[in-house]
Structures are given as C-alpha cells and as structure tokens.
C-alpha atoms as a PDB file:
ATOM      1  CA  MET A   1       9.035  -8.475 -12.372  1.00  0.00           C
ATOM      2  CA  VAL A   2      12.467 -10.232 -12.098  1.00  0.00           C
ATOM      3  CA  ASN A   3      12.164 -10.674  -8.376  1.00  0.00           C
ATOM      4  CA  ASN A   4       8.097 -11.788  -8.012  1.00  0.00           C
ATOM      5  CA  PRO A   5       7.055 -11.390  -4.488  1.00  0.00           C
ATOM      6  CA  PHE A   6       4.053 -13.957  -4.835  1.00  0.00           C
ATOM      7  CA  HIS A   7       7.076 -16.535  -5.840  1.00  0.00           C
ATOM      8  CA  ARG A   8       9.598 -15.263  -3.329  1.00  0.00           C
ATOM      9  CA  TYR A   9       6.965 -15.891  -0.320  1.00  0.00           C
ATOM     10  CA  GLN A  10       4.975 -18.870  -2.291  1.00  0.00           C
ATOM     11  CA  ASN A  11       5.548 -21.023   0.695  1.00  0.00           C
ATOM     12  CA  LEU A  12       4.396 -18.134   3.531  1.00  0.00           C
ATOM     13  CA  LEU A  13       0.794 -18.160   1.334  1.00  0.00           C
ATOM     14  CA  LYS A  14       0.604 -21.391   1.178  1.00  0.00           C
ATOM     15  CA  ALA A  15       0.619 -22.056   4.559  1.00  0.00           C
ATOM     16  CA  TYR A  16      -1.939 -18.937   5.587  1.00  0.00           C
ATOM     17  CA  ILE A  17      -4.675 -18.890   2.870  1.00  0.00           C
ATOM     18  CA  LEU A  18      -6.272 -21.163   0.818  1.00  0.00           C
ATOM     19  CA  PRO A  19      -4.614 -22.225  -2.011  1.00  0.00           C
ATOM     20  CA  ASN A  20      -7.886 -20.775  -4.523  1.00  0.00           C
ATOM     21  CA  SER A  21      -6.917 -17.314  -3.452  1.00  0.00           C
ATOM     22  CA  ILE A  22      -3.498 -16.714  -4.436  1.00  0.00           C
ATOM     23  CA  PRO A  23      -4.418 -16.927  -7.880  1.00  0.00           C
ATOM     24  CA  VAL A  24      -7.149 -13.989  -6.956  1.00  0.00           C
ATOM     25  CA  LEU A  25      -4.559 -11.895  -5.086  1.00  0.00           C
ATOM     26  CA  TRP A  26      -2.341 -12.544  -8.334  1.00  0.00           C
ATOM     27  CA  ASN A  27      -4.950 -11.063 -10.595  1.00  0.00           C
ATOM     28  CA  ASN A  28      -5.925  -8.010  -8.573  1.00  0.00           C
ATOM     29  CA  TRP A  29      -2.757  -6.965  -8.111  1.00  0.00           C
ATOM     30  CA  ASN A  30      -2.051  -7.684 -11.998  1.00  0.00           C
ATOM     31  CA  ASP A  31      -4.969  -5.667 -12.656  1.00  0.00           C
ATOM     32  CA  PRO A  32      -4.588  -3.288 -16.147  1.00  0.00           C
ATOM     33  CA  LYS A  33      -7.032  -0.802 -14.627  1.00  0.00           C
ATOM     34  CA  ARG A  34      -3.934  -0.743 -11.596  1.00  0.00           C
ATOM     35  CA  ALA A  35      -1.384   1.770 -12.714  1.00  0.00           C
ATOM     36  CA  TYR A  36       0.171   2.486  -9.042  1.00  0.00           C
ATOM     37  CA  HIS A  37      -1.871   0.137  -6.527  1.00  0.00           C
ATOM     38  CA  ASN A  38      -0.330  -2.487  -8.891  1.00  0.00           C
ATOM     39  CA  ILE A  39       2.282  -5.357  -8.229  1.00  0.00           C
ATOM     40  CA  ASP A  40       4.957  -2.945  -8.034  1.00  0.00           C
ATOM     41  CA  HIS A  41       3.578  -0.891  -5.337  1.00  0.00           C
ATOM     42  CA  LEU A  42       3.554  -4.621  -3.257  1.00  0.00           C
ATOM     43  CA  GLU A  43       7.279  -5.077  -4.059  1.00  0.00           C
ATOM     44  CA  ARG A  44       7.904  -1.412  -2.672  1.00  0.00           C
ATOM     45  CA  VAL A  45       5.586  -2.123   0.352  1.00  0.00           C
ATOM     46  CA  LEU A  46       7.886  -5.678   1.063  1.00  0.00           C
ATOM     47  CA  LYS A  47      10.891  -4.382   0.565  1.00  0.00           C
ATOM     48  CA  GLY A  48      10.116  -2.057   3.058  1.00  0.00           C
ATOM     49  CA  ILE A  49       9.048  -4.352   5.254  1.00  0.00           C
ATOM     50  CA  GLU A  50      12.136  -6.776   4.597  1.00  0.00           C
ATOM     51  CA  LYS A  51      14.678  -4.286   5.917  1.00  0.00           C
ATOM     52  CA  TRP A  52      12.995  -4.310   9.524  1.00  0.00           C
ATOM     53  CA  HIS A  53      12.972  -8.244   9.084  1.00  0.00           C
ATOM     54  CA  TYR A  54      15.810  -8.439  11.907  1.00  0.00           C
ATOM     55  CA  ARG A  55      13.854  -6.561  14.470  1.00  0.00           C
ATOM     56  CA  PHE A  56      10.948  -7.905  14.102  1.00  0.00           C
ATOM     57  CA  THR A  57       9.640 -11.691  15.599  1.00  0.00           C
ATOM     58  CA  GLN A  58       9.105 -14.339  13.118  1.00  0.00           C
ATOM     59  CA  ASP A  59       5.465 -14.074  13.809  1.00  0.00           C
ATOM     60  CA  GLU A  60       5.143 -10.163  13.680  1.00  0.00           C
ATOM     61  CA  PHE A  61       7.322 -10.439  10.196  1.00  0.00           C
ATOM     62  CA  GLU A  62       5.094 -13.094   8.623  1.00  0.00           C
ATOM     63  CA  GLN A  63       1.927 -11.186   9.537  1.00  0.00           C
ATOM     64  CA  LEU A  64       3.271  -8.082   8.118  1.00  0.00           C
ATOM     65  CA  VAL A  65       4.336  -9.701   4.972  1.00  0.00           C
ATOM     66  CA  LEU A  66       0.440 -10.968   4.722  1.00  0.00           C
ATOM     67  CA  ALA A  67      -0.621  -7.666   5.538  1.00  0.00           C
ATOM     68  CA  ALA A  68       1.372  -6.551   2.552  1.00  0.00           C
ATOM     69  CA  PHE A  69      -0.065  -8.896   0.244  1.00  0.00           C
ATOM     70  CA  PHE A  70      -3.681  -7.991   1.486  1.00  0.00           C
ATOM     71  CA  HIS A  71      -3.582  -3.856   1.815  1.00  0.00           C
ATOM     72  CA  ASP A  72      -4.750  -3.487  -0.988  1.00  0.00           C
ATOM     73  CA  ALA A  73      -6.211  -6.699  -2.403  1.00  0.00           C
ATOM     74  CA  ILE A  74      -9.655  -5.008  -2.997  1.00  0.00           C
ATOM     75  CA  TYR A  75      -9.104  -1.559  -4.424  1.00  0.00           C
ATOM     76  CA  ASP A  76     -11.559   0.078  -6.298  1.00  0.00           C
ATOM     77  CA  ALA A  77     -10.784   3.892  -7.265  1.00  0.00           C
ATOM     78  CA  ARG A  78     -14.483   4.552  -8.330  1.00  0.00           C
ATOM     79  CA  ASN A  79     -15.145   3.394  -4.585  1.00  0.00           C
ATOM     80  CA  PRO A  80     -12.271   4.498  -2.629  1.00  0.00           C
ATOM     81  CA  ASP A  81     -14.103   4.379   0.846  1.00  0.00           C
ATOM     82  CA  GLY A  82     -13.704   0.797   2.189  1.00  0.00           C
ATOM     83  CA  ASN A  83     -11.107  -0.447   0.302  1.00  0.00           C
ATOM     84  CA  GLU A  84      -9.125  -1.290   3.428  1.00  0.00           C
ATOM     85  CA  ASP A  85     -12.119  -2.946   5.410  1.00  0.00           C
ATOM     86  CA  LYS A  86     -12.982  -4.639   1.769  1.00  0.00           C
ATOM     87  CA  SER A  87      -9.343  -6.197   2.009  1.00  0.00           C
ATOM     88  CA  ILE A  88      -9.410  -7.299   5.685  1.00  0.00           C
ATOM     89  CA  GLN A  89     -12.633  -8.925   4.748  1.00  0.00           C
ATOM     90  CA  PHE A  90     -11.098 -10.733   1.952  1.00  0.00           C
ATOM     91  CA  PHE A  91      -8.181 -11.697   4.109  1.00  0.00           C
ATOM     92  CA  ARG A  92     -10.059 -13.212   7.214  1.00  0.00           C
ATOM     93  CA  ARG A  93     -12.654 -15.236   4.570  1.00  0.00           C
ATOM     94  CA  VAL A  94      -9.179 -17.203   2.992  1.00  0.00           C
ATOM     95  CA  TYR A  95      -7.341 -16.973   5.979  1.00  0.00           C
ATOM     96  CA  ILE A  96      -6.779 -20.438   7.051  1.00  0.00           C
ATOM     97  CA  GLY A  97      -4.155 -20.300  10.319  1.00  0.00           C
ATOM     98  CA  LYS A  98      -4.952 -22.012  13.545  1.00  0.00           C
ATOM     99  CA  ASP A  99      -4.352 -19.196  15.713  1.00  0.00           C
ATOM    100  CA  ARG A 100      -4.708 -15.314  16.534  1.00  0.00           C
ATOM    101  CA  ARG A 101      -2.077 -14.715  13.677  1.00  0.00           C
ATOM    102  CA  PHE A 102      -4.845 -12.166  12.036  1.00  0.00           C
ATOM    103  CA  ASP A 103      -4.903  -9.618  14.651  1.00  0.00           C
ATOM    104  CA  LEU A 104      -1.596  -7.674  13.412  1.00  0.00           C
ATOM    105  CA  VAL A 105      -2.717  -7.884   9.513  1.00  0.00           C
ATOM    106  CA  ASP A 106      -5.956  -6.398  10.406  1.00  0.00           C
ATOM    107  CA  LYS A 107      -4.473  -3.240  12.369  1.00  0.00           C
ATOM    108  CA  ALA A 108      -1.332  -2.954   9.520  1.00  0.00           C
ATOM    109  CA  ILE A 109      -4.023  -2.837   7.078  1.00  0.00           C
ATOM    110  CA  GLU A 110      -6.616  -0.596   8.599  1.00  0.00           C
ATOM    111  CA  CYS A 111      -3.389   1.891   9.782  1.00  0.00           C
ATOM    112  CA  THR A 112      -3.354   2.879   5.936  1.00  0.00           C
ATOM    113  CA  LYS A 113      -6.331   4.778   5.768  1.00  0.00           C
ATOM    114  CA  TYR A 114      -5.394   7.295   7.841  1.00  0.00           C
ATOM    115  CA  ARG A 115      -2.570   9.985   7.767  1.00  0.00           C
ATOM    116  CA  LYS A 116      -1.117   9.370  10.783  1.00  0.00           C
ATOM    117  CA  ARG A 117       1.913   7.440  11.825  1.00  0.00           C
ATOM    118  CA  PRO A 118       1.111   4.741  14.337  1.00  0.00           C
ATOM    119  CA  SER A 119       2.801   4.561  17.107  1.00  0.00           C
ATOM    120  CA  SER A 120       3.425   0.608  17.921  1.00  0.00           C
ATOM    121  CA  PHE A 121       6.695  -0.338  16.081  1.00  0.00           C
ATOM    122  CA  PRO A 122       5.564  -3.163  13.436  1.00  0.00           C
ATOM    123  CA  LEU A 123       2.847  -1.020  12.627  1.00  0.00           C
ATOM    124  CA  LYS A 124       4.649   2.420  11.836  1.00  0.00           C
ATOM    125  CA  ILE A 125       7.221   0.428   9.575  1.00  0.00           C
ATOM    126  CA  PHE A 126       4.438  -0.716   7.784  1.00  0.00           C
ATOM    127  CA  TRP A 127       2.715   2.500   7.274  1.00  0.00           C
ATOM    128  CA  GLU A 128       6.266   3.790   6.679  1.00  0.00           C
ATOM    129  CA  ALA A 129       6.499   1.452   3.753  1.00  0.00           C
ATOM    130  CA  ASP A 130       3.408   2.216   2.491  1.00  0.00           C
ATOM    131  CA  ASN A 131       4.272   5.348   2.095  1.00  0.00           C
ATOM    132  CA  ALA A 132       7.333   5.647   1.107  1.00  0.00           C
ATOM    133  CA  GLY A 133       7.031   7.014  -2.059  1.00  0.00           C
ATOM    134  CA  PHE A 134       6.968  10.231  -0.566  1.00  0.00           C
ATOM    135  CA  ARG A 135      10.581  10.424   0.386  1.00  0.00           C
ATOM    136  CA  ASP A 136      11.445   9.082  -2.965  1.00  0.00           C
ATOM    137  CA  ARG A 137      13.297  10.741  -5.686  1.00  0.00           C
ATOM    138  CA  TRP A 138      11.527  13.497  -7.325  1.00  0.00           C
ATOM    139  CA  GLU A 139      11.342  11.710 -11.004  1.00  0.00           C
ATOM    140  CA  ASN A 140      10.110   8.511  -9.095  1.00  0.00           C
ATOM    141  CA  PHE A 141       7.244  10.477  -6.897  1.00  0.00           C
ATOM    142  CA  LEU A 142       6.327  12.082 -10.533  1.00  0.00           C
ATOM    143  CA  LYS A 143       5.914   8.957 -11.933  1.00  0.00           C
ATOM    144  CA  TYR A 144       3.621   7.631  -8.904  1.00  0.00           C
ATOM    145  CA  GLU A 145       1.517  10.814  -9.283  1.00  0.00           C
ATOM    146  CA  LYS A 146       1.422  10.116 -12.670  1.00  0.00           C
ATOM    147  CA  ALA A 147       0.222   6.470 -12.343  1.00  0.00           C
ATOM    148  CA  ILE A 148      -2.445   7.473  -9.757  1.00  0.00           C
ATOM    149  CA  ARG A 149      -3.912  10.048 -12.206  1.00  0.00           C
ATOM    150  CA  LYS A 150      -4.009   7.597 -14.510  1.00  0.00           C
ATOM    151  CA  GLU A 151      -6.554   5.460 -11.934  1.00  0.00           C
ATOM    152  CA  TYR A 152      -8.479   8.131 -11.163  1.00  0.00           C
ATOM    153  CA  SER A 153      -8.246   9.504 -15.166  1.00  0.00           C
ATOM    154  CA  PHE A 154     -12.068   9.046 -14.977  1.00  0.00           C
ATOM    155  CA  VAL A 155     -12.242  12.164 -12.319  1.00  0.00           C
ATOM    156  CA  PRO A 156     -12.574  15.243 -14.428  1.00  0.00           C
ATOM    157  CA  ILE A 157      -9.188  17.019 -14.469  1.00  0.00           C
ATOM    158  CA  ASP A 158      -9.770  20.543 -12.015  1.00  0.00           C
ATOM    159  CA  GLU A 159     -11.936  17.904  -9.192  1.00  0.00           C
ATOM    160  CA  TYR A 160      -9.538  15.538  -9.117  1.00  0.00           C
ATOM    161  CA  LYS A 161      -6.739  18.691  -8.875  1.00  0.00           C
ATOM    162  CA  LYS A 162      -8.584  19.892  -5.852  1.00  0.00           C
ATOM    163  CA  ALA A 163      -8.923  16.649  -3.974  1.00  0.00           C
ATOM    164  CA  ARG A 164      -5.739  15.878  -4.698  1.00  0.00           C
ATOM    165  CA  ILE A 165      -4.108  19.187  -3.666  1.00  0.00           C
ATOM    166  CA  GLU A 166      -5.928  18.550  -0.339  1.00  0.00           C
ATOM    167  CA  LEU A 167      -4.860  15.486   0.365  1.00  0.00           C
ATOM    168  CA  LEU A 168      -1.506  16.137  -0.285  1.00  0.00           C
ATOM    169  CA  GLN A 169      -1.775  18.959   2.132  1.00  0.00           C
ATOM    170  CA  LYS A 170      -2.596  16.921   5.085  1.00  0.00           C
ATOM    171  CA  ASN A 171       0.892  15.184   4.575  1.00  0.00           C
ATOM    172  CA  ILE A 172       3.216  18.551   4.727  1.00  0.00           C
ATOM    173  CA  GLY A 173       4.848  17.511   8.153  1.00  0.00           C
ATOM    174  CA  LEU A 174       4.566  13.620   7.610  1.00  0.00           C
ATOM    175  CA  PHE A 175       7.216  12.843   5.837  1.00  0.00           C
ATOM    176  CA  GLY A 176      10.590  15.088   7.091  1.00  0.00           C
ATOM    177  CA  SER A 177      11.982  18.025   4.546  1.00  0.00           C
ATOM    178  CA  LYS A 178      12.163  15.225   1.525  1.00  0.00           C
ATOM    179  CA  GLY A 179       9.099  14.233   1.978  1.00  0.00           C
ATOM    180  CA  ASP A 180       7.311  18.294   2.202  1.00  0.00           C
ATOM    181  CA  THR A 181       9.618  19.355  -1.081  1.00  0.00           C
ATOM    182  CA  ASN A 182       8.267  16.718  -3.008  1.00  0.00           C
ATOM    183  CA  ILE A 183       4.667  17.599  -1.820  1.00  0.00           C
ATOM    184  CA  LYS A 184       5.439  21.180  -2.231  1.00  0.00           C
ATOM    185  CA  LYS A 185       6.672  20.566  -5.856  1.00  0.00           C
ATOM    186  CA  LEU A 186       3.645  18.217  -6.888  1.00  0.00           C
ATOM    187  CA  ILE A 187       1.116  21.019  -5.593  1.00  0.00           C
ATOM    188  CA  GLU A 188       2.607  23.604  -7.971  1.00  0.00           C
ATOM    189  CA  TYR A 189       3.106  20.815 -10.513  1.00  0.00           C
ATOM    190  CA  LEU A 190      -0.735  20.113 -10.411  1.00  0.00           C
ATOM    191  CA  GLN A 191      -1.545  23.965  -9.704  1.00  0.00           C
ATOM    192  CA  ASN A 192       0.227  24.134 -13.499  1.00  0.00           C
ATOM    193  CA  ILE A 193      -1.536  21.201 -15.714  1.00  0.00           C
END
C-alpha cells in the first residue's frame, strides 16, 4: 500500500500507545487470515474519517483515528462475538495518554457492533466509515463479499449463505437506495451460488 496509515499516523500512535504495541497492531492488520478486515479496510475507514476532519475538534479527530486503528485490532472470524470488546480492552491496555481521551475511542469501537446508525456526529461518521462498503460500486461490494467469505471459509457454504443473507436483510434501509440495491443484488448472488 503506497499510503501506509501506520506511516501517516506514526506520531499519533507513538504519542498515545505503548511503542511495543505498534508492531502488534501492524501484524494484526496484516494477518494473512484477514481477507477483508485488513489494512485496506483500515485505510478505507481512515479516509471516511479524514474527509470530515474539518468538522471535528483536534481531540475528536485523534480519538477517531485511534478508534480506526483499534476497531478491528482483534478480529477472529471463528469467534466473532466479542471482537469489539477485546479490541477495546487491547486499546486500554496499551494506551499511555494521561487524559480521558479513551472515552470516544471506546464508544466508536463499540458502535460498530450494531446495525443502527449512532446519533452523535463523531460516532455517526465513524460508523458510516466502517460501513462505507455498502454504498460502494457493485464490483467493489462483491469483492468485499468474496473477501469476507474467504475469512469464513471454514463455515459450510449453506450455513454461511443463510447467516449472511439474514445479516444483509437487517441492513436494508440503512444505506440509502445505493446500499439497498447492492444488498439486494448480493442476496440474489448468494442465493445462486
């Protein structure tokens, strides 16, 4: 990746987290088992936050950037329940700031658990950035689906399709007409594979 987020935000990371945790974060985001929840996803989330930089205080922006780095820091497709909570715990263990900066980081990571758009502006932007793929071009949305399937390749296809379609149906109405079109097209795609 040409625009490495670890390089771009190295000063922020060094200022607020233990130095030995940065290589751990790097390794987690670049784990070969991660086909979707990888550094490319991190970069997409950061871009979604960066485009609203002018609307945040510097403190909010820095917290959201830290939340981006930690929101999928712990990701285990075999045990998906609790990944966000484990990521929050990881952040708290390595955080070296002296202020209450972690409050928004915790809330931002936690909001990604839910299929409901948060009401506060910073959390809404973070949630939207994490879910931006739903509004992406169909080709990209399908590419993301194939990457997610790869992460869940240990699940039998019929079981995967059933659970995935149920999850997709819960997202109808959350991402406007473009998102709904992608979701319905993906459901049809899954039904036919």
